């Protein structure tokens, strides 16, 4: 599986067709069964014992939807997921139009014309697709068309900068684990849909599968420039994080820590919600033992998200190690 191929695939919430096709094809090579449910989750099953383990990573990326047009041909947009308007300003974007992708920019006033302390809310952003009238824009884009940043991928040697690493890096590590692992359990590998708009895919797939154990692979904030360790303790290159808190079943936390004998990892405090698929997986039916397993990432929800290659490899290695003996975990509290 190629990470660049994953991050370049279009897939905003509810419109994950392109990324879903890639995931489904790859799962078909390694799973005993692959299916897509009504919400668009891709579920690959590797059969084993009666103990069931679900590994979930979300396919969708943040984006926006076209909700209107100005008379001079600009597109009015609204967010899909947690999009910061500051990160969209002065960005190049692509939109699924009537006959394929339409490219445009969300322009920004040059400093010569801007006012001091001028701020823009999302409602003030406009997409310029290079036309001069509403009529021209309506010929190529519909109300309800969706878009996001133009995809990019840069290999910096030890690190990768790209769009949609939240959570295509999670998808990548899940699919790589699927290629070669050992477990007595029946393992469900699930690429979830619509996470960015309310963890919807995980809620549906968790209810349908109702696993004994669920592991959510997502990204988490890594320390960025001008931040001290007292502000954010997670760092790039120091290993994946194991979430400690209400969404981390203590026996699973201990199991992953024991599995990481020579594998670097970090502990992450999640005192309430984790903000990942684990939040709803834990509440499926009468409860599921969950674990939050995260990849450190800088600049989340922007077009220049960054991960460390060592963290990706150690996420795969630790997950494989944990799956070997996961059937021995006593989930009783």
C-alpha atoms as a PDB file:
ATOM      1  CA  UNK A   1       0.000   0.000   0.000  1.00  0.00           C
ATOM      2  CA  UNK A   2       1.255   3.432  -0.988  1.00  0.00           C
ATOM      3  CA  UNK A   3       0.639   6.374   1.369  1.00  0.00           C
ATOM      4  CA  UNK A   4       0.870   8.947  -1.415  1.00  0.00           C
ATOM      5  CA  UNK A   5      -1.897   7.189  -3.346  1.00  0.00           C
ATOM      6  CA  UNK A   6      -4.101   7.347  -0.249  1.00  0.00           C
ATOM      7  CA  UNK A   7      -3.578  11.037   0.509  1.00  0.00           C
ATOM      8  CA  UNK A   8      -4.174  12.042  -3.096  1.00  0.00           C
ATOM      9  CA  UNK A   9      -7.537  10.278  -3.227  1.00  0.00           C
ATOM     10  CA  UNK A  10     -10.519  12.613  -2.872  1.00  0.00           C
ATOM     11  CA  UNK A  11     -12.939  11.830  -0.061  1.00  0.00           C
ATOM     12  CA  UNK A  12     -14.768  14.451   1.961  1.00  0.00           C
ATOM     13  CA  UNK A  13     -17.502  13.235   4.359  1.00  0.00           C
ATOM     14  CA  UNK A  14     -20.260  11.404   2.518  1.00  0.00           C
ATOM     15  CA  UNK A  15     -18.341  11.517  -0.775  1.00  0.00           C
ATOM     16  CA  UNK A  16     -15.637   8.921  -0.093  1.00  0.00           C
ATOM     17  CA  UNK A  17     -16.084   7.006  -3.363  1.00  0.00           C
ATOM     18  CA  UNK A  18     -12.509   7.405  -4.632  1.00  0.00           C
ATOM     19  CA  UNK A  19     -10.716   6.507  -1.414  1.00  0.00           C
ATOM     20  CA  UNK A  20     -13.240   3.737  -0.687  1.00  0.00           C
ATOM     21  CA  UNK A  21     -12.446   2.025  -4.012  1.00  0.00           C
ATOM     22  CA  UNK A  22      -8.712   2.011  -3.225  1.00  0.00           C
ATOM     23  CA  UNK A  23      -9.237   0.622   0.268  1.00  0.00           C
ATOM     24  CA  UNK A  24     -11.709  -2.007  -0.901  1.00  0.00           C
ATOM     25  CA  UNK A  25      -9.371  -3.286  -3.610  1.00  0.00           C
ATOM     26  CA  UNK A  26      -6.457  -3.560  -1.183  1.00  0.00           C
ATOM     27  CA  UNK A  27      -8.499  -5.312   1.506  1.00  0.00           C
ATOM     28  CA  UNK A  28      -9.669  -7.831  -1.064  1.00  0.00           C
ATOM     29  CA  UNK A  29      -6.120  -9.164  -1.359  1.00  0.00           C
ATOM     30  CA  UNK A  30      -5.797 -10.018   2.335  1.00  0.00           C
ATOM     31  CA  UNK A  31      -9.244 -10.452   3.894  1.00  0.00           C
ATOM     32  CA  UNK A  32     -11.471 -13.512   3.956  1.00  0.00           C
ATOM     33  CA  UNK A  33     -14.420 -11.235   3.287  1.00  0.00           C
ATOM     34  CA  UNK A  34     -14.832  -7.583   2.260  1.00  0.00           C
ATOM     35  CA  UNK A  35     -18.093  -5.672   2.312  1.00  0.00           C
ATOM     36  CA  UNK A  36     -19.351  -2.108   2.201  1.00  0.00           C
ATOM     37  CA  UNK A  37     -22.242  -1.152   4.448  1.00  0.00           C
ATOM     38  CA  UNK A  38     -25.015   1.342   3.754  1.00  0.00           C
ATOM     39  CA  UNK A  39     -23.087   4.285   5.174  1.00  0.00           C
ATOM     40  CA  UNK A  40     -20.047   3.502   3.047  1.00  0.00           C
ATOM     41  CA  UNK A  41     -17.740   1.904   5.608  1.00  0.00           C
ATOM     42  CA  UNK A  42     -15.361  -0.686   4.133  1.00  0.00           C
ATOM     43  CA  UNK A  43     -15.121  -3.785   6.330  1.00  0.00           C
ATOM     44  CA  UNK A  44     -12.474  -6.439   5.773  1.00  0.00           C
ATOM     45  CA  UNK A  45     -12.712  -9.578   7.928  1.00  0.00           C
ATOM     46  CA  UNK A  46      -9.900 -12.014   8.727  1.00  0.00           C
ATOM     47  CA  UNK A  47     -11.498 -15.002  10.412  1.00  0.00           C
ATOM     48  CA  UNK A  48     -10.279 -16.488  13.677  1.00  0.00           C
ATOM     49  CA  UNK A  49     -11.731 -17.404  17.043  1.00  0.00           C
ATOM     50  CA  UNK A  50     -14.929 -16.195  18.689  1.00  0.00           C
ATOM     51  CA  UNK A  51     -13.078 -13.186  20.142  1.00  0.00           C
ATOM     52  CA  UNK A  52     -13.629 -10.246  17.808  1.00  0.00           C
ATOM     53  CA  UNK A  53     -11.338  -7.250  17.418  1.00  0.00           C
ATOM     54  CA  UNK A  54     -12.257  -4.215  15.349  1.00  0.00           C
ATOM     55  CA  UNK A  55      -9.550  -1.879  14.059  1.00  0.00           C
ATOM     56  CA  UNK A  56     -10.957   1.404  12.768  1.00  0.00           C
ATOM     57  CA  UNK A  57      -9.409   4.301  10.862  1.00  0.00           C
ATOM     58  CA  UNK A  58     -11.429   6.950   9.055  1.00  0.00           C
ATOM     59  CA  UNK A  59     -11.272   7.537   5.298  1.00  0.00           C
ATOM     60  CA  UNK A  60     -12.765  10.993   5.052  1.00  0.00           C
ATOM     61  CA  UNK A  61     -10.970  14.320   5.007  1.00  0.00           C
ATOM     62  CA  UNK A  62     -12.138  17.811   5.892  1.00  0.00           C
ATOM     63  CA  UNK A  63     -13.581  19.939   3.108  1.00  0.00           C
ATOM     64  CA  UNK A  64     -16.396  22.241   2.116  1.00  0.00           C
ATOM     65  CA  UNK A  65     -19.654  22.306   0.174  1.00  0.00           C
ATOM     66  CA  UNK A  66     -20.835  24.850  -2.376  1.00  0.00           C
ATOM     67  CA  UNK A  67     -23.995  26.471  -1.058  1.00  0.00           C
ATOM     68  CA  UNK A  68     -24.425  29.367  -3.475  1.00  0.00           C
ATOM     69  CA  UNK A  69     -23.000  31.712  -6.100  1.00  0.00           C
ATOM     70  CA  UNK A  70     -22.383  35.428  -6.228  1.00  0.00           C
ATOM     71  CA  UNK A  71     -23.539  37.352  -9.287  1.00  0.00           C
ATOM     72  CA  UNK A  72     -19.939  37.723 -10.461  1.00  0.00           C
ATOM     73  CA  UNK A  73     -19.255  33.979 -10.359  1.00  0.00           C
ATOM     74  CA  UNK A  74     -17.628  33.334  -6.980  1.00  0.00           C
ATOM     75  CA  UNK A  75     -18.629  30.233  -5.030  1.00  0.00           C
ATOM     76  CA  UNK A  76     -20.142  30.531  -1.564  1.00  0.00           C
ATOM     77  CA  UNK A  77     -19.055  27.640   0.663  1.00  0.00           C
ATOM     78  CA  UNK A  78     -19.704  26.085   4.072  1.00  0.00           C
ATOM     79  CA  UNK A  79     -17.403  23.739   6.021  1.00  0.00           C
ATOM     80  CA  UNK A  80     -17.559  19.958   6.131  1.00  0.00           C
ATOM     81  CA  UNK A  81     -15.800  19.035   9.338  1.00  0.00           C
ATOM     82  CA  UNK A  82     -13.529  21.166  11.489  1.00  0.00           C
ATOM     83  CA  UNK A  83     -12.140  23.511   8.865  1.00  0.00           C
ATOM     84  CA  UNK A  84     -10.349  26.580  10.148  1.00  0.00           C
ATOM     85  CA  UNK A  85     -11.092  29.487   7.773  1.00  0.00           C
ATOM     86  CA  UNK A  86      -7.592  30.815   8.445  1.00  0.00           C
ATOM     87  CA  UNK A  87      -6.043  27.729   6.824  1.00  0.00           C
ATOM     88  CA  UNK A  88      -8.248  28.063   3.727  1.00  0.00           C
ATOM     89  CA  UNK A  89      -7.387  31.684   3.050  1.00  0.00           C
ATOM     90  CA  UNK A  90      -4.946  32.001   0.128  1.00  0.00           C
ATOM     91  CA  UNK A  91      -5.332  28.291  -0.663  1.00  0.00           C
ATOM     92  CA  UNK A  92      -5.732  26.420  -3.921  1.00  0.00           C
ATOM     93  CA  UNK A  93      -8.706  24.034  -3.897  1.00  0.00           C
ATOM     94  CA  UNK A  94     -10.390  21.424  -6.060  1.00  0.00           C
ATOM     95  CA  UNK A  95     -14.123  20.824  -6.374  1.00  0.00           C
ATOM     96  CA  UNK A  96     -15.995  17.854  -7.814  1.00  0.00           C
ATOM     97  CA  UNK A  97     -17.888  19.613 -10.580  1.00  0.00           C
ATOM     98  CA  UNK A  98     -20.365  18.456 -13.172  1.00  0.00           C
ATOM     99  CA  UNK A  99     -17.698  17.010 -15.490  1.00  0.00           C
ATOM    100  CA  UNK A 100     -14.783  16.326 -13.184  1.00  0.00           C
ATOM    101  CA  UNK A 101     -12.584  18.382 -10.917  1.00  0.00           C
ATOM    102  CA  UNK A 102     -12.799  22.157 -11.063  1.00  0.00           C
ATOM    103  CA  UNK A 103      -9.831  24.065  -9.673  1.00  0.00           C
ATOM    104  CA  UNK A 104      -9.904  27.395  -7.944  1.00  0.00           C
ATOM    105  CA  UNK A 105      -8.455  29.600  -5.252  1.00  0.00           C
ATOM    106  CA  UNK A 106      -9.717  31.163  -2.080  1.00  0.00           C
ATOM    107  CA  UNK A 107      -8.022  34.500  -2.602  1.00  0.00           C
ATOM    108  CA  UNK A 108      -6.702  36.842   0.053  1.00  0.00           C
ATOM    109  CA  UNK A 109      -6.238  40.594  -0.039  1.00  0.00           C
ATOM    110  CA  UNK A 110      -2.604  41.678  -0.329  1.00  0.00           C
ATOM    111  CA  UNK A 111      -1.270  43.571   2.689  1.00  0.00           C
ATOM    112  CA  UNK A 112      -1.423  46.828   0.731  1.00  0.00           C
ATOM    113  CA  UNK A 113      -5.235  46.664   0.677  1.00  0.00           C
ATOM    114  CA  UNK A 114      -6.075  44.874   3.922  1.00  0.00           C
ATOM    115  CA  UNK A 115      -7.241  46.603   7.051  1.00  0.00           C
ATOM    116  CA  UNK A 116      -5.422  46.246  10.360  1.00  0.00           C
ATOM    117  CA  UNK A 117      -6.680  43.272  12.398  1.00  0.00           C
ATOM    118  CA  UNK A 118      -9.142  42.329   9.640  1.00  0.00           C
ATOM    119  CA  UNK A 119     -10.509  38.821  10.182  1.00  0.00           C
ATOM    120  CA  UNK A 120     -12.695  36.631   8.031  1.00  0.00           C
ATOM    121  CA  UNK A 121     -15.204  34.049   9.144  1.00  0.00           C
ATOM    122  CA  UNK A 122     -16.044  31.059   6.986  1.00  0.00           C
ATOM    123  CA  UNK A 123     -19.134  32.861   5.693  1.00  0.00           C
ATOM    124  CA  UNK A 124     -16.862  35.523   4.195  1.00  0.00           C
ATOM    125  CA  UNK A 125     -14.746  33.120   2.104  1.00  0.00           C
ATOM    126  CA  UNK A 126     -15.295  32.865  -1.643  1.00  0.00           C
ATOM    127  CA  UNK A 127     -13.832  30.464  -4.197  1.00  0.00           C
ATOM    128  CA  UNK A 128     -12.603  32.026  -7.427  1.00  0.00           C
ATOM    129  CA  UNK A 129     -12.823  29.487 -10.264  1.00  0.00           C
ATOM    130  CA  UNK A 130     -11.828  31.956 -12.961  1.00  0.00           C
ATOM    131  CA  UNK A 131     -15.241  32.908 -14.344  1.00  0.00           C
ATOM    132  CA  UNK A 132     -17.029  36.248 -14.430  1.00  0.00           C
ATOM    133  CA  UNK A 133     -20.683  35.423 -13.841  1.00  0.00           C
ATOM    134  CA  UNK A 134     -23.072  33.222 -11.925  1.00  0.00           C
ATOM    135  CA  UNK A 135     -24.260  31.708 -15.201  1.00  0.00           C
ATOM    136  CA  UNK A 136     -20.743  30.567 -16.117  1.00  0.00           C
ATOM    137  CA  UNK A 137     -20.149  29.095 -12.656  1.00  0.00           C
ATOM    138  CA  UNK A 138     -23.446  27.191 -12.705  1.00  0.00           C
ATOM    139  CA  UNK A 139     -22.428  25.469 -15.943  1.00  0.00           C
ATOM    140  CA  UNK A 140     -19.557  23.659 -14.244  1.00  0.00           C
ATOM    141  CA  UNK A 141     -20.442  23.503 -10.526  1.00  0.00           C
ATOM    142  CA  UNK A 142     -23.683  22.593  -8.728  1.00  0.00           C
ATOM    143  CA  UNK A 143     -25.158  23.616  -5.431  1.00  0.00           C
ATOM    144  CA  UNK A 144     -23.995  20.732  -3.225  1.00  0.00           C
ATOM    145  CA  UNK A 145     -20.704  20.205  -5.050  1.00  0.00           C
ATOM    146  CA  UNK A 146     -17.934  19.423  -2.583  1.00  0.00           C
ATOM    147  CA  UNK A 147     -14.283  20.347  -2.440  1.00  0.00           C
ATOM    148  CA  UNK A 148     -11.104  20.464  -0.396  1.00  0.00           C
ATOM    149  CA  UNK A 149      -7.461  21.490  -0.656  1.00  0.00           C
ATOM    150  CA  UNK A 150      -5.613  20.492  -3.802  1.00  0.00           C
ATOM    151  CA  UNK A 151      -3.816  17.285  -2.903  1.00  0.00           C
ATOM    152  CA  UNK A 152      -0.085  17.413  -2.279  1.00  0.00           C
ATOM    153  CA  UNK A 153       2.619  15.051  -1.015  1.00  0.00           C
ATOM    154  CA  UNK A 154       6.204  15.943  -0.120  1.00  0.00           C
ATOM    155  CA  UNK A 155       8.827  13.480   1.087  1.00  0.00           C
ATOM    156  CA  UNK A 156      11.223  15.380   3.351  1.00  0.00           C
ATOM    157  CA  UNK A 157      13.428  12.378   4.046  1.00  0.00           C
ATOM    158  CA  UNK A 158      12.492  11.427   7.600  1.00  0.00           C
ATOM    159  CA  UNK A 159       9.088  13.086   7.441  1.00  0.00           C
ATOM    160  CA  UNK A 160       6.154  13.471   5.103  1.00  0.00           C
ATOM    161  CA  UNK A 161       4.077  16.580   4.486  1.00  0.00           C
ATOM    162  CA  UNK A 162       0.747  16.086   2.738  1.00  0.00           C
ATOM    163  CA  UNK A 163      -2.946  16.785   2.663  1.00  0.00           C
ATOM    164  CA  UNK A 164      -5.345  14.412   4.433  1.00  0.00           C
ATOM    165  CA  UNK A 165      -2.770  12.664   6.623  1.00  0.00           C
ATOM    166  CA  UNK A 166      -5.682  12.948   9.062  1.00  0.00           C
ATOM    167  CA  UNK A 167      -6.500  10.128   8.761  1.00  0.00           C
ATOM    168  CA  UNK A 168      -5.024   8.541   5.649  1.00  0.00           C
ATOM    169  CA  UNK A 169      -1.928   7.840   7.747  1.00  0.00           C
ATOM    170  CA  UNK A 170      -4.227   5.783   9.993  1.00  0.00           C
ATOM    171  CA  UNK A 171      -5.692   4.025   6.965  1.00  0.00           C
ATOM    172  CA  UNK A 172      -2.167   3.330   5.722  1.00  0.00           C
ATOM    173  CA  UNK A 173      -0.983   1.786   8.995  1.00  0.00           C
ATOM    174  CA  UNK A 174      -4.160  -0.291   9.269  1.00  0.00           C
ATOM    175  CA  UNK A 175      -3.821  -1.665   5.726  1.00  0.00           C
ATOM    176  CA  UNK A 176      -0.101  -2.375   6.154  1.00  0.00           C
ATOM    177  CA  UNK A 177      -0.868  -4.267   9.367  1.00  0.00           C
ATOM    178  CA  UNK A 178      -3.489  -6.248   7.499  1.00  0.00           C
ATOM    179  CA  UNK A 179      -0.887  -7.451   4.992  1.00  0.00           C
ATOM    180  CA  UNK A 180       1.076  -9.426   7.572  1.00  0.00           C
ATOM    181  CA  UNK A 181      -0.081 -10.089  11.126  1.00  0.00           C
ATOM    182  CA  UNK A 182      -0.744 -12.964  13.516  1.00  0.00           C
ATOM    183  CA  UNK A 183      -3.783 -13.260  15.762  1.00  0.00           C
ATOM    184  CA  UNK A 184      -6.080 -15.958  17.042  1.00  0.00           C
ATOM    185  CA  UNK A 185      -8.958 -13.464  17.103  1.00  0.00           C
ATOM    186  CA  UNK A 186     -11.336 -12.632  14.299  1.00  0.00           C
ATOM    187  CA  UNK A 187     -10.141  -9.203  13.192  1.00  0.00           C
ATOM    188  CA  UNK A 188     -12.333  -6.629  11.457  1.00  0.00           C
ATOM    189  CA  UNK A 189     -10.390  -3.949   9.598  1.00  0.00           C
ATOM    190  CA  UNK A 190     -12.782  -1.038   9.108  1.00  0.00           C
ATOM    191  CA  UNK A 191     -12.214   2.107   7.056  1.00  0.00           C
ATOM    192  CA  UNK A 192     -14.908   4.346   8.479  1.00  0.00           C
ATOM    193  CA  UNK A 193     -16.872   7.057   6.685  1.00  0.00           C
ATOM    194  CA  UNK A 194     -17.988  10.492   7.836  1.00  0.00           C
ATOM    195  CA  UNK A 195     -15.804  10.705  10.935  1.00  0.00           C
ATOM    196  CA  UNK A 196     -15.156  14.407  10.447  1.00  0.00           C
ATOM    197  CA  UNK A 197     -18.862  15.250  10.711  1.00  0.00           C
ATOM    198  CA  UNK A 198     -19.703  13.292  13.833  1.00  0.00           C
ATOM    199  CA  UNK A 199     -18.092   9.815  13.922  1.00  0.00           C
ATOM    200  CA  UNK A 200     -21.046   8.478  11.938  1.00  0.00           C
ATOM    201  CA  UNK A 201     -19.380   5.556  10.181  1.00  0.00           C
ATOM    202  CA  UNK A 202     -17.930   4.205  13.415  1.00  0.00           C
ATOM    203  CA  UNK A 203     -21.278   4.426  15.147  1.00  0.00           C
ATOM    204  CA  UNK A 204     -22.965   2.328  12.475  1.00  0.00           C
ATOM    205  CA  UNK A 205     -20.167  -0.205  11.932  1.00  0.00           C
ATOM    206  CA  UNK A 206     -19.538  -0.598  15.657  1.00  0.00           C
ATOM    207  CA  UNK A 207     -23.193  -1.421  16.222  1.00  0.00           C
ATOM    208  CA  UNK A 208     -23.243  -3.890  13.334  1.00  0.00           C
ATOM    209  CA  UNK A 209     -20.026  -5.709  14.204  1.00  0.00           C
ATOM    210  CA  UNK A 210     -20.341  -5.349  17.989  1.00  0.00           C
ATOM    211  CA  UNK A 211     -16.752  -6.424  18.673  1.00  0.00           C
ATOM    212  CA  UNK A 212     -15.289  -7.434  22.004  1.00  0.00           C
ATOM    213  CA  UNK A 213     -12.407  -5.006  21.453  1.00  0.00           C
ATOM    214  CA  UNK A 214     -12.164  -1.895  19.260  1.00  0.00           C
ATOM    215  CA  UNK A 215      -8.954  -0.015  18.446  1.00  0.00           C
ATOM    216  CA  UNK A 216      -9.269   3.399  16.828  1.00  0.00           C
ATOM    217  CA  UNK A 217      -6.220   4.493  14.811  1.00  0.00           C
ATOM    218  CA  UNK A 218      -6.185   8.237  14.302  1.00  0.00           C
ATOM    219  CA  UNK A 219      -3.784  11.158  14.483  1.00  0.00           C
ATOM    220  CA  UNK A 220      -3.048  13.370  17.462  1.00  0.00           C
ATOM    221  CA  UNK A 221      -1.486  16.797  17.897  1.00  0.00           C
ATOM    222  CA  UNK A 222       2.317  16.793  18.027  1.00  0.00           C
ATOM    223  CA  UNK A 223       4.307  19.671  19.435  1.00  0.00           C
ATOM    224  CA  UNK A 224       4.754  22.499  16.935  1.00  0.00           C
ATOM    225  CA  UNK A 225       7.150  25.463  16.717  1.00  0.00           C
ATOM    226  CA  UNK A 226       6.983  27.912  19.626  1.00  0.00           C
ATOM    227  CA  UNK A 227       5.237  25.359  21.844  1.00  0.00           C
ATOM    228  CA  UNK A 228       6.775  24.102  25.062  1.00  0.00           C
ATOM    229  CA  UNK A 229       6.484  20.580  26.464  1.00  0.00           C
ATOM    230  CA  UNK A 230       4.208  21.979  29.145  1.00  0.00           C
ATOM    231  CA  UNK A 231       1.733  22.965  26.421  1.00  0.00           C
ATOM    232  CA  UNK A 232       1.879  19.731  24.418  1.00  0.00           C
ATOM    233  CA  UNK A 233       3.943  16.709  25.405  1.00  0.00           C
ATOM    234  CA  UNK A 234       3.475  14.524  22.284  1.00  0.00           C
ATOM    235  CA  UNK A 235       6.379  14.781  19.836  1.00  0.00           C
ATOM    236  CA  UNK A 236       7.078  13.658  16.293  1.00  0.00           C
ATOM    237  CA  UNK A 237       9.417  10.709  15.960  1.00  0.00           C
ATOM    238  CA  UNK A 238       8.942   9.411  19.507  1.00  0.00           C
ATOM    239  CA  UNK A 239       6.426   6.710  18.618  1.00  0.00           C
ATOM    240  CA  UNK A 240       2.627   6.350  18.442  1.00  0.00           C
ATOM    241  CA  UNK A 241       0.546   7.361  21.434  1.00  0.00           C
ATOM    242  CA  UNK A 242      -1.550   5.119  23.639  1.00  0.00           C
ATOM    243  CA  UNK A 243      -4.514   7.018  24.997  1.00  0.00           C
ATOM    244  CA  UNK A 244      -5.055   6.942  28.742  1.00  0.00           C
ATOM    245  CA  UNK A 245      -8.495   7.957  30.009  1.00  0.00           C
ATOM    246  CA  UNK A 246     -12.143   6.917  29.932  1.00  0.00           C
ATOM    247  CA  UNK A 247     -11.925   5.710  26.295  1.00  0.00           C
ATOM    248  CA  UNK A 248      -8.864   3.565  27.015  1.00  0.00           C
ATOM    249  CA  UNK A 249      -9.837   0.286  28.655  1.00  0.00           C
ATOM    250  CA  UNK A 250      -7.144  -0.160  31.351  1.00  0.00           C
ATOM    251  CA  UNK A 251      -6.482  -3.802  30.452  1.00  0.00           C
ATOM    252  CA  UNK A 252      -5.949  -2.870  26.794  1.00  0.00           C
ATOM    253  CA  UNK A 253      -3.688   0.036  27.728  1.00  0.00           C
ATOM    254  CA  UNK A 254      -1.577  -2.336  29.826  1.00  0.00           C
ATOM    255  CA  UNK A 255      -1.528  -4.921  27.040  1.00  0.00           C
ATOM    256  CA  UNK A 256      -0.237  -2.420  24.458  1.00  0.00           C
ATOM    257  CA  UNK A 257       2.381  -1.107  26.880  1.00  0.00           C
ATOM    258  CA  UNK A 258       3.614  -4.653  27.552  1.00  0.00           C
ATOM    259  CA  UNK A 259       3.698  -5.371  23.812  1.00  0.00           C
ATOM    260  CA  UNK A 260       5.973  -2.377  23.249  1.00  0.00           C
ATOM    261  CA  UNK A 261       9.060  -4.004  24.758  1.00  0.00           C
ATOM    262  CA  UNK A 262      11.497  -2.422  22.297  1.00  0.00           C
ATOM    263  CA  UNK A 263       9.052  -0.226  20.415  1.00  0.00           C
ATOM    264  CA  UNK A 264       8.946   3.491  21.270  1.00  0.00           C
ATOM    265  CA  UNK A 265       5.558   4.858  22.287  1.00  0.00           C
ATOM    266  CA  UNK A 266       4.097   7.829  24.129  1.00  0.00           C
ATOM    267  CA  UNK A 267       1.237   8.065  26.585  1.00  0.00           C
ATOM    268  CA  UNK A 268      -1.454  10.605  25.811  1.00  0.00           C
ATOM    269  CA  UNK A 269      -3.897  11.891  28.388  1.00  0.00           C
ATOM    270  CA  UNK A 270      -7.528  11.818  27.240  1.00  0.00           C
ATOM    271  CA  UNK A 271      -9.377  13.016  30.354  1.00  0.00           C
ATOM    272  CA  UNK A 272     -12.795  13.044  28.653  1.00  0.00           C
ATOM    273  CA  UNK A 273     -13.571  12.414  24.982  1.00  0.00           C
ATOM    274  CA  UNK A 274     -10.780  11.377  22.659  1.00  0.00           C
ATOM    275  CA  UNK A 275     -12.273  13.028  19.574  1.00  0.00           C
ATOM    276  CA  UNK A 276     -11.811   9.756  17.668  1.00  0.00           C
ATOM    277  CA  UNK A 277     -14.000   6.866  16.503  1.00  0.00           C
ATOM    278  CA  UNK A 278     -13.351   5.230  19.882  1.00  0.00           C
ATOM    279  CA  UNK A 279     -15.823   7.632  21.508  1.00  0.00           C
ATOM    280  CA  UNK A 280     -18.788   5.989  19.792  1.00  0.00           C
ATOM    281  CA  UNK A 281     -17.343   2.492  19.413  1.00  0.00           C
ATOM    282  CA  UNK A 282     -17.087   2.275  23.196  1.00  0.00           C
ATOM    283  CA  UNK A 283     -20.831   2.894  23.495  1.00  0.00           C
ATOM    284  CA  UNK A 284     -22.002   0.292  20.972  1.00  0.00           C
ATOM    285  CA  UNK A 285     -24.917  -1.703  22.395  1.00  0.00           C
ATOM    286  CA  UNK A 286     -23.970  -2.576  25.995  1.00  0.00           C
ATOM    287  CA  UNK A 287     -20.340  -1.500  25.681  1.00  0.00           C
ATOM    288  CA  UNK A 288     -17.061  -2.335  23.922  1.00  0.00           C
ATOM    289  CA  UNK A 289     -13.534  -2.311  25.337  1.00  0.00           C
ATOM    290  CA  UNK A 290     -11.758   0.417  23.368  1.00  0.00           C
ATOM    291  CA  UNK A 291      -8.277   1.806  22.874  1.00  0.00           C
ATOM    292  CA  UNK A 292      -7.173   5.068  21.253  1.00  0.00           C
ATOM    293  CA  UNK A 293      -3.991   4.495  19.252  1.00  0.00           C
ATOM    294  CA  UNK A 294      -2.692   7.642  17.572  1.00  0.00           C
ATOM    295  CA  UNK A 295      -0.012   8.841  15.166  1.00  0.00           C
ATOM    296  CA  UNK A 296       1.638  12.157  16.114  1.00  0.00           C
ATOM    297  CA  UNK A 297       0.919  14.835  13.518  1.00  0.00           C
ATOM    298  CA  UNK A 298       1.727  18.514  13.159  1.00  0.00           C
ATOM    299  CA  UNK A 299      -0.541  21.162  11.615  1.00  0.00           C
ATOM    300  CA  UNK A 300      -3.772  19.151  11.783  1.00  0.00           C
ATOM    301  CA  UNK A 301      -6.640  20.136   9.489  1.00  0.00           C
ATOM    302  CA  UNK A 302      -4.441  22.076   7.100  1.00  0.00           C
ATOM    303  CA  UNK A 303      -2.910  21.402   3.677  1.00  0.00           C
ATOM    304  CA  UNK A 304       0.548  20.848   5.193  1.00  0.00           C
ATOM    305  CA  UNK A 305       0.024  18.117   7.780  1.00  0.00           C
ATOM    306  CA  UNK A 306       3.259  16.405   8.835  1.00  0.00           C
ATOM    307  CA  UNK A 307       4.097  12.925  10.147  1.00  0.00           C
ATOM    308  CA  UNK A 308       7.344  11.124  10.882  1.00  0.00           C
ATOM    309  CA  UNK A 309       8.091   7.898   8.994  1.00  0.00           C
ATOM    310  CA  UNK A 310       9.396   6.264  12.169  1.00  0.00           C
ATOM    311  CA  UNK A 311       6.041   6.850  13.868  1.00  0.00           C
ATOM    312  CA  UNK A 312       4.197   5.218  10.972  1.00  0.00           C
ATOM    313  CA  UNK A 313       6.457   2.160  11.068  1.00  0.00           C
ATOM    314  CA  UNK A 314       6.271   1.876  14.859  1.00  0.00           C
ATOM    315  CA  UNK A 315       2.468   2.135  14.756  1.00  0.00           C
ATOM    316  CA  UNK A 316       2.386  -0.883  12.436  1.00  0.00           C
ATOM    317  CA  UNK A 317       4.948  -2.814  14.477  1.00  0.00           C
ATOM    318  CA  UNK A 318       3.235  -2.223  17.820  1.00  0.00           C
ATOM    319  CA  UNK A 319      -0.214  -3.061  16.458  1.00  0.00           C
ATOM    320  CA  UNK A 320       1.103  -6.347  15.046  1.00  0.00           C
ATOM    321  CA  UNK A 321       2.744  -7.205  18.369  1.00  0.00           C
ATOM    322  CA  UNK A 322      -0.411  -6.386  20.330  1.00  0.00           C
ATOM    323  CA  UNK A 323      -2.595  -8.511  18.059  1.00  0.00           C
ATOM    324  CA  UNK A 324      -0.479 -11.630  18.627  1.00  0.00           C
ATOM    325  CA  UNK A 325      -1.689 -12.185  22.192  1.00  0.00           C
ATOM    326  CA  UNK A 326      -4.753  -9.992  22.339  1.00  0.00           C
ATOM    327  CA  UNK A 327      -6.902 -13.080  22.952  1.00  0.00           C
ATOM    328  CA  UNK A 328      -5.211 -13.386  26.361  1.00  0.00           C
ATOM    329  CA  UNK A 329      -6.395 -10.002  27.628  1.00  0.00           C
ATOM    330  CA  UNK A 330      -8.821 -10.330  30.521  1.00  0.00           C
ATOM    331  CA  UNK A 331     -11.318  -7.527  29.926  1.00  0.00           C
ATOM    332  CA  UNK A 332     -13.048  -7.911  33.284  1.00  0.00           C
ATOM    333  CA  UNK A 333     -12.610  -4.883  35.525  1.00  0.00           C
END
